[in-house]
Protein backbone atom coordinates (compact mmCIF):
# COMPACT_ATOMS: atom_id res chain seq x y z
CA UNK A 1 -17.13 -3.02 -18.00
CA UNK A 2 -17.19 -1.13 -14.68
CA UNK A 3 -17.10 2.66 -14.43
CA UNK A 4 -13.49 2.98 -13.34
CA UNK A 5 -12.25 0.80 -16.19
CA UNK A 6 -14.40 2.81 -18.63
CA UNK A 7 -12.72 6.00 -17.42
CA UNK A 8 -9.33 4.38 -17.85
CA UNK A 9 -10.19 3.34 -21.40
CA UNK A 10 -11.51 6.82 -22.24
CA UNK A 11 -8.29 8.42 -20.95
CA UNK A 12 -6.13 5.98 -22.91
CA UNK A 13 -8.05 6.80 -26.11
CA UNK A 14 -7.76 10.53 -25.42
CA UNK A 15 -4.02 10.16 -24.81
CA UNK A 16 -3.67 8.27 -28.06
CA UNK A 17 -5.55 10.95 -30.02
CA UNK A 18 -4.07 14.07 -28.43
CA UNK A 19 -0.72 12.73 -27.33
CA UNK A 20 0.33 11.74 -23.81
CA UNK A 21 1.66 15.19 -22.92
CA UNK A 22 -1.82 16.63 -23.47
CA UNK A 23 -3.00 14.85 -20.36
CA UNK A 24 -0.23 13.65 -18.13
CA UNK A 25 3.05 14.42 -19.87
CA UNK A 26 4.25 10.83 -19.68
CA UNK A 27 4.29 7.62 -21.71
CA UNK A 28 0.69 6.34 -21.64
CA UNK A 29 1.85 2.72 -21.34
CA UNK A 30 3.87 3.54 -18.25
CA UNK A 31 1.09 5.67 -16.80
CA UNK A 32 -1.84 3.40 -17.64
CA UNK A 33 -0.27 0.10 -18.58
CA UNK A 34 -0.95 -1.89 -21.66
CA UNK A 35 -3.33 -4.76 -22.17
CA UNK A 36 -3.98 -6.60 -18.90
CA UNK A 37 -2.83 -10.22 -19.28
CA UNK A 38 -5.87 -12.52 -18.98
CA UNK A 39 -4.09 -14.58 -16.34
CA UNK A 40 -3.76 -11.45 -14.15
CA UNK A 41 -7.50 -10.81 -14.41
CA UNK A 42 -8.21 -14.47 -13.62
CA UNK A 43 -5.93 -14.52 -10.56
CA UNK A 44 -7.35 -11.24 -9.34
CA UNK A 45 -11.01 -12.13 -9.79
CA UNK A 46 -10.61 -15.43 -7.95
CA UNK A 47 -8.67 -13.76 -5.15
CA UNK A 48 -11.24 -11.01 -4.67
CA UNK A 49 -14.05 -13.54 -4.62
CA UNK A 50 -12.25 -15.41 -1.82
CA UNK A 51 -11.66 -12.21 0.16
CA UNK A 52 -15.32 -11.20 -0.22
CA UNK A 53 -16.46 -14.62 0.99
CA UNK A 54 -14.20 -14.51 4.05
CA UNK A 55 -14.93 -10.95 5.17
CA UNK A 56 -16.90 -10.72 8.40
CA UNK A 57 -20.23 -8.91 8.60
CA UNK A 58 -18.45 -6.16 10.54
CA UNK A 59 -16.01 -5.75 7.67
CA UNK A 60 -12.79 -7.23 9.03
CA UNK A 61 -10.84 -10.37 8.19
CA UNK A 62 -10.36 -12.60 11.20
CA UNK A 63 -7.88 -15.29 10.28
CA UNK A 64 -4.29 -15.54 11.43
CA UNK A 65 -2.78 -12.07 11.18
CA UNK A 66 -5.89 -10.00 11.82
CA UNK A 67 -5.88 -6.28 12.59
CA UNK A 68 -6.45 -2.88 11.01
CA UNK A 69 -3.45 -3.30 8.73
CA UNK A 70 -4.73 -6.58 7.29
CA UNK A 71 -8.14 -4.97 6.78
CA UNK A 72 -6.35 -2.14 4.99
CA UNK A 73 -4.41 -4.52 2.76
CA UNK A 74 -7.61 -6.33 1.77
CA UNK A 75 -9.39 -3.01 1.22
CA UNK A 76 -6.61 -1.86 -1.13
CA UNK A 77 -6.82 -5.15 -3.02
CA UNK A 78 -10.45 -4.34 -3.87
CA UNK A 79 -9.62 -0.75 -4.83
CA UNK A 80 -6.53 -1.62 -6.89
CA UNK A 81 -8.21 -3.33 -9.83
CA UNK A 82 -10.62 -0.51 -10.65
CA UNK A 83 -13.86 -1.87 -9.27
CA UNK A 84 -16.33 0.97 -8.72
CA UNK A 85 -15.94 1.57 -4.96
CA UNK A 86 -19.43 2.99 -4.52
CA UNK A 87 -21.74 1.05 -6.83
CA UNK A 88 -19.68 -1.82 -8.22
CA UNK A 89 -19.84 -5.52 -7.48
CA UNK A 90 -17.62 -5.23 -4.43
CA UNK A 91 -18.81 -1.82 -3.17
CA UNK A 92 -20.47 -3.38 -0.07
CA UNK A 93 -17.21 -5.13 0.82
CA UNK A 94 -15.29 -1.89 0.39
CA UNK A 95 -17.70 0.04 2.60
CA UNK A 96 -17.62 -2.64 5.30
CA UNK A 97 -13.82 -2.66 5.26
CA UNK A 98 -13.65 1.13 5.65
CA UNK A 99 -16.17 0.94 8.49
CA UNK A 100 -14.16 -1.78 10.23
CA UNK A 101 -10.94 0.23 10.10
CA UNK A 102 -12.59 3.39 11.40
CA UNK A 103 -14.56 1.54 14.09
CA UNK A 104 -11.36 -0.09 15.40
CA UNK A 105 -9.56 3.25 15.68
CA UNK A 106 -8.97 4.71 19.13
CA UNK A 107 -11.10 7.86 19.03
CA UNK A 108 -8.76 9.69 21.41
CA UNK A 109 -5.27 8.78 20.20
CA UNK A 110 -6.09 7.91 16.59
CA UNK A 111 -4.25 4.60 16.88
CA UNK A 112 -5.23 1.89 14.38
CA UNK A 113 -4.43 -1.40 16.13
CA UNK A 114 -2.80 -3.80 16.69
CA UNK A 115 0.68 -2.36 16.05
CA UNK A 116 2.25 0.59 14.29
CA UNK A 117 2.78 -1.78 11.36
CA UNK A 118 -1.00 -2.16 11.17
CA UNK A 119 -1.38 1.57 11.73
CA UNK A 120 0.79 2.35 8.71
CA UNK A 121 -1.02 0.00 6.33
CA UNK A 122 -4.45 1.09 7.58
CA UNK A 123 -3.51 4.75 7.16
CA UNK A 124 -2.29 3.98 3.63
CA UNK A 125 -5.58 2.22 2.81
CA UNK A 126 -7.71 5.08 4.17
CA UNK A 127 -5.63 7.52 2.11
CA UNK A 128 -6.27 5.49 -1.04
CA UNK A 129 -10.00 5.34 -0.22
CA UNK A 130 -10.20 9.06 0.55
CA UNK A 131 -11.74 10.92 -2.36
CA UNK A 132 -12.99 7.83 -4.20
CA UNK A 133 -15.23 6.21 -1.58
CA UNK A 134 -18.40 8.21 -0.93
CA UNK A 135 -18.55 9.06 2.79
CA UNK A 136 -22.31 9.34 2.68
CA UNK A 137 -22.57 5.64 1.77
CA UNK A 138 -20.04 4.23 4.25
CA UNK A 139 -22.31 4.07 7.27
CA UNK A 140 -25.51 3.07 5.48
CA UNK A 141 -26.69 -0.08 7.18
CA UNK A 142 -23.60 -0.09 9.33
CA UNK A 143 -24.61 2.02 12.30
CA UNK A 144 -23.33 5.44 13.23
CA UNK A 145 -23.32 8.69 11.31
CA UNK A 146 -20.46 10.91 10.20
CA UNK A 147 -19.40 13.05 13.14
CA UNK A 148 -20.62 10.58 15.74
CA UNK A 149 -18.61 7.97 17.65
CA UNK A 150 -18.00 5.04 15.35
CA UNK A 151 -19.16 7.09 12.39
CA UNK A 152 -16.18 9.28 11.53
CA UNK A 153 -15.59 10.28 7.96
CA UNK A 154 -12.49 9.02 6.19
CA UNK A 155 -10.91 12.48 6.47
CA UNK A 156 -11.59 12.62 10.20
CA UNK A 157 -10.15 9.16 10.72
CA UNK A 158 -7.11 10.04 8.63
CA UNK A 159 -6.49 13.24 10.57
CA UNK A 160 -6.54 11.28 13.82
CA UNK A 161 -4.23 8.62 12.37
CA UNK A 162 -1.74 11.24 11.20
CA UNK A 163 -1.69 12.86 14.64
CA UNK A 164 -1.08 9.46 16.24
CA UNK A 165 1.87 8.78 13.94
CA UNK A 166 3.38 12.22 14.55
CA UNK A 167 2.93 11.96 18.33
CA UNK A 168 4.52 8.51 18.35
CA UNK A 169 7.44 9.74 16.24
CA UNK A 170 8.14 12.65 18.57
CA UNK A 171 8.51 10.20 21.47
CA UNK A 172 10.99 8.11 19.51
CA UNK A 173 14.70 8.84 19.89
CA UNK A 174 15.35 7.85 16.27
CA UNK A 175 12.57 9.99 14.82
CA UNK A 176 10.82 6.92 13.44
CA UNK A 177 8.61 4.07 14.69
CA UNK A 178 8.52 0.54 15.98
CA UNK A 179 5.64 -1.79 16.90
CA UNK A 180 4.18 0.09 19.86
CA UNK A 181 3.23 3.81 19.65
CA UNK A 182 5.28 4.44 22.79
CA UNK A 183 8.40 2.51 21.74
CA UNK A 184 11.68 4.41 21.97
CA UNK A 185 13.52 2.33 19.37
CA UNK A 186 12.75 1.99 15.67
CA UNK A 187 13.14 -0.32 12.71
CA UNK A 188 13.15 0.34 8.99
CA UNK A 189 10.35 -2.11 8.23
CA UNK A 190 7.77 -0.50 10.51
CA UNK A 191 9.12 2.97 9.78
CA UNK A 192 8.69 2.37 6.06
CA UNK A 193 5.09 1.24 6.52
CA UNK A 194 4.15 4.29 8.61
CA UNK A 195 6.05 6.65 6.32
CA UNK A 196 4.20 5.27 3.29
CA UNK A 197 0.93 5.91 5.10
CA UNK A 198 1.94 9.52 5.79
CA UNK A 199 3.13 10.08 2.22
CA UNK A 200 -0.13 8.69 0.85
CA UNK A 201 -2.14 10.90 3.21
CA UNK A 202 -0.17 13.94 2.07
CA UNK A 203 -0.67 12.97 -1.57
CA UNK A 204 -4.41 12.71 -0.87
CA UNK A 205 -4.48 16.31 0.34
CA UNK A 206 -4.34 15.77 4.08
CA UNK A 207 -2.13 17.98 6.25
CA UNK A 208 1.04 16.13 7.23
CA UNK A 209 3.86 18.05 8.97
CA UNK A 210 6.89 18.40 6.70
CA UNK A 211 9.27 17.88 9.61
CA UNK A 212 7.69 14.49 10.30
CA UNK A 213 8.36 13.33 6.73
CA UNK A 214 11.87 14.80 6.85
CA UNK A 215 12.77 13.10 10.14
CA UNK A 216 11.54 9.73 8.91
CA UNK A 217 13.49 10.06 5.64
CA UNK A 218 16.61 10.98 7.59
CA UNK A 219 16.20 7.82 9.65
CA UNK A 220 15.89 5.74 6.48
CA UNK A 221 18.95 7.48 5.02
CA UNK A 222 21.04 6.86 8.14
CA UNK A 223 20.08 3.20 7.85
CA UNK A 224 21.21 2.89 4.22
CA UNK A 225 24.68 1.82 3.12
CA UNK A 226 26.54 2.73 -0.07
CA UNK A 227 26.08 -0.86 -1.28
CA UNK A 228 22.30 -0.58 -1.05
CA UNK A 229 22.02 -2.62 2.13
CA UNK A 230 19.57 -1.25 4.70
CA UNK A 231 19.89 -1.79 8.44
CA UNK A 232 17.01 -3.27 10.39
CA UNK A 233 16.99 -1.12 13.52
CA UNK A 234 18.71 1.67 15.37
CA UNK A 235 19.69 3.83 12.45
CA UNK A 236 23.30 2.61 12.30
CA UNK A 237 25.13 -0.65 11.72
CA UNK A 238 23.53 -4.06 11.19
CA UNK A 239 23.63 -3.66 7.42
CA UNK A 240 22.98 -7.32 6.66
CA UNK A 241 21.48 -7.89 3.24
CA UNK A 242 17.70 -7.80 3.04
CA UNK A 243 15.99 -7.32 -0.29
CA UNK A 244 12.83 -6.51 1.63
CA UNK A 245 14.38 -3.56 3.43
CA UNK A 246 16.20 -2.35 0.32
CA UNK A 247 12.90 -2.45 -1.59
CA UNK A 248 10.97 -0.41 0.95
CA UNK A 249 13.84 2.07 1.24
CA UNK A 250 13.78 2.50 -2.55
CA UNK A 251 10.04 3.02 -2.50
CA UNK A 252 9.92 5.70 0.20
CA UNK A 253 12.70 7.67 -1.48
CA UNK A 254 10.85 7.50 -4.81
CA UNK A 255 7.42 8.46 -3.46
CA UNK A 256 8.96 11.34 -1.45
CA UNK A 257 10.56 12.56 -4.71
CA UNK A 258 14.17 11.89 -3.69
CA UNK A 259 15.19 10.00 -6.80
CA UNK A 260 18.30 12.15 -7.15
CA UNK A 261 19.71 10.95 -3.81
CA UNK A 262 22.61 8.51 -3.56
CA UNK A 263 20.54 6.39 -1.17
CA UNK A 264 17.87 5.87 -3.81
CA UNK A 265 20.40 5.02 -6.49
CA UNK A 266 22.18 2.55 -4.19
CA UNK A 267 19.09 0.63 -3.11
CA UNK A 268 17.56 0.64 -6.58
CA UNK A 269 20.73 -0.83 -8.07
CA UNK A 270 20.81 -3.44 -5.33
CA UNK A 271 17.30 -4.72 -6.06
CA UNK A 272 17.20 -4.25 -9.84
CA UNK A 273 20.33 -6.35 -10.34
CA UNK A 274 18.92 -9.24 -8.30
CA UNK A 275 15.63 -9.96 -10.01
CA UNK A 276 16.15 -13.68 -9.54
CA UNK A 277 16.04 -13.32 -5.75
CA UNK A 278 13.23 -15.20 -3.99
CA UNK A 279 11.92 -15.15 -0.44
CA UNK A 280 10.11 -17.84 1.51
CA UNK A 281 7.95 -18.14 4.60
CA UNK A 282 6.31 -15.08 6.10
CA UNK A 283 8.60 -12.72 4.12
CA UNK A 284 7.32 -13.91 0.75
CA UNK A 285 4.23 -11.72 0.35
CA UNK A 286 5.94 -8.72 1.94
CA UNK A 287 8.81 -9.08 -0.54
CA UNK A 288 6.53 -9.28 -3.58
CA UNK A 289 4.46 -6.32 -2.43
CA UNK A 290 7.40 -3.94 -1.98
CA UNK A 291 9.48 -5.20 -4.90
CA UNK A 292 6.59 -4.58 -7.30
CA UNK A 293 6.27 -0.95 -6.27
CA UNK A 294 9.98 -0.21 -5.89
CA UNK A 295 10.91 -1.61 -9.31
CA UNK A 296 7.97 0.13 -10.98
CA UNK A 297 9.03 3.45 -9.50
CA UNK A 298 12.67 3.08 -10.43
CA UNK A 299 13.21 0.72 -13.35
CA UNK A 300 10.20 0.02 -15.56
CA UNK A 301 11.93 -2.58 -17.72
CA UNK A 302 13.06 -4.50 -14.64
CA UNK A 303 9.53 -4.30 -13.27
CA UNK A 304 8.15 -5.78 -16.50
CA UNK A 305 10.50 -8.77 -16.24
CA UNK A 306 9.85 -9.20 -12.53
CA UNK A 307 6.09 -8.83 -12.99
CA UNK A 308 5.97 -11.52 -15.68
CA UNK A 309 7.79 -13.93 -13.38
CA UNK A 310 5.52 -13.02 -10.45
CA UNK A 311 2.38 -13.62 -12.51
CA UNK A 312 3.63 -17.12 -13.33
CA UNK A 313 4.47 -17.84 -9.69
CA UNK A 314 1.09 -16.64 -8.43
CA UNK A 315 -0.77 -18.51 -11.14
CA UNK A 316 0.94 -21.71 -9.99
CA UNK A 317 0.54 -21.10 -6.26
CA UNK A 318 -3.07 -19.84 -6.08
CA UNK A 319 -5.30 -22.41 -4.40
CA UNK A 320 -8.40 -23.78 -6.09
CA UNK A 321 -10.56 -21.62 -3.81
CA UNK A 322 -8.76 -18.43 -4.97
CA UNK A 323 -6.69 -17.85 -1.84
CA UNK A 324 -2.97 -17.81 -1.26
CA UNK A 325 -1.83 -19.95 1.66
CA UNK A 326 -5.44 -19.88 2.87
CA UNK A 327 -5.07 -16.48 4.56
CA UNK A 328 -6.44 -12.98 4.05
CA UNK A 329 -3.06 -11.29 4.59
CA UNK A 330 -1.34 -13.58 2.10
CA UNK A 331 -4.17 -13.24 -0.41
CA UNK A 332 -4.42 -9.46 -0.13
CA UNK A 333 -0.68 -8.92 -0.43
CA UNK A 334 -0.39 -11.33 -3.36
CA UNK A 335 -3.11 -9.48 -5.24
CA UNK A 336 -1.48 -6.13 -4.51
CA UNK A 337 1.77 -7.45 -5.98
CA UNK A 338 -0.20 -7.56 -9.25
CA UNK A 339 -2.01 -4.26 -8.69
CA UNK A 340 0.41 -2.24 -10.80
CA UNK A 341 -0.93 -4.02 -13.86
CA UNK A 342 -4.09 -1.95 -13.33
CA UNK A 343 -2.59 1.40 -12.22
CA UNK A 344 -5.62 2.58 -10.24
CA UNK A 345 -4.30 3.29 -6.74
CA UNK A 346 -2.85 6.82 -6.47
CA UNK A 347 0.15 5.46 -4.55
CA UNK A 348 1.10 3.46 -7.66
CA UNK A 349 1.63 6.60 -9.75
CA UNK A 350 5.19 7.41 -10.79
């Protein structure tokens, strides 16, 4: 048993002996989960083995949809199941992934390429790594030293990334983001990804301007209809149904502690009453990733039902080599759709 899982077991036992309120004031099953289904462990182990095998020496994943965001997604997949990030089986993969994200960052602007979508996911991943990955180990054998070019600490890289997001937002007429840092229009998909990165950074203890969070939430609110539909771009109109957009809108409202808002209630009802909905093509992994988190945050019983169905789907669709659709993005996102079974990433906390 690895160290992180030992800590989890110890805390569960303590909660059982002293009562859940003695530690976290919440149902231990909801906080920590129950017994991990063996099929989840099997899917996850095979997926991580595939990701480890297909990671480059530099730490990135170079198939199909490569970029800092994909590296961040794969990094979070390793962190999500509780592997010791510093001395565990996959610690070298974790360190290389962190190095790759930091090395790709523009040292002047803080931009994590190759789009603000990538920037958001990479910022989220660095936030989840911050505080659990030992900075002194990151650059061992990888060149560079903390404080030198190519050798920034996670905190330094995060600070730069936050500044990039805030600068980009201030240029944007909608107070949000689109694909390019200099874009003047915005869409709720990219905005949600960047906002989640900022919220995670704030939760990790980094300084994030309150007005930046507020402006982004206002954009998401302007884009949300009373029926739970969420517009794609522009802040108004275009309210065509998209479970993907409704899921990410639910998630950002929950993580920003706006569960008492009508927007949150509307989008949560929209997704929790349509658990049978399925996506296909390039939306599939995105849908699973956001639905898992949104339902967990808002409706635990619905998440349990949805999770059981997702486990069955992933068990059937995982390739013999452990991948999903043969790609790192698809594999990383599919594993993260199961990550709430483990409850290790801070962003997964309710």
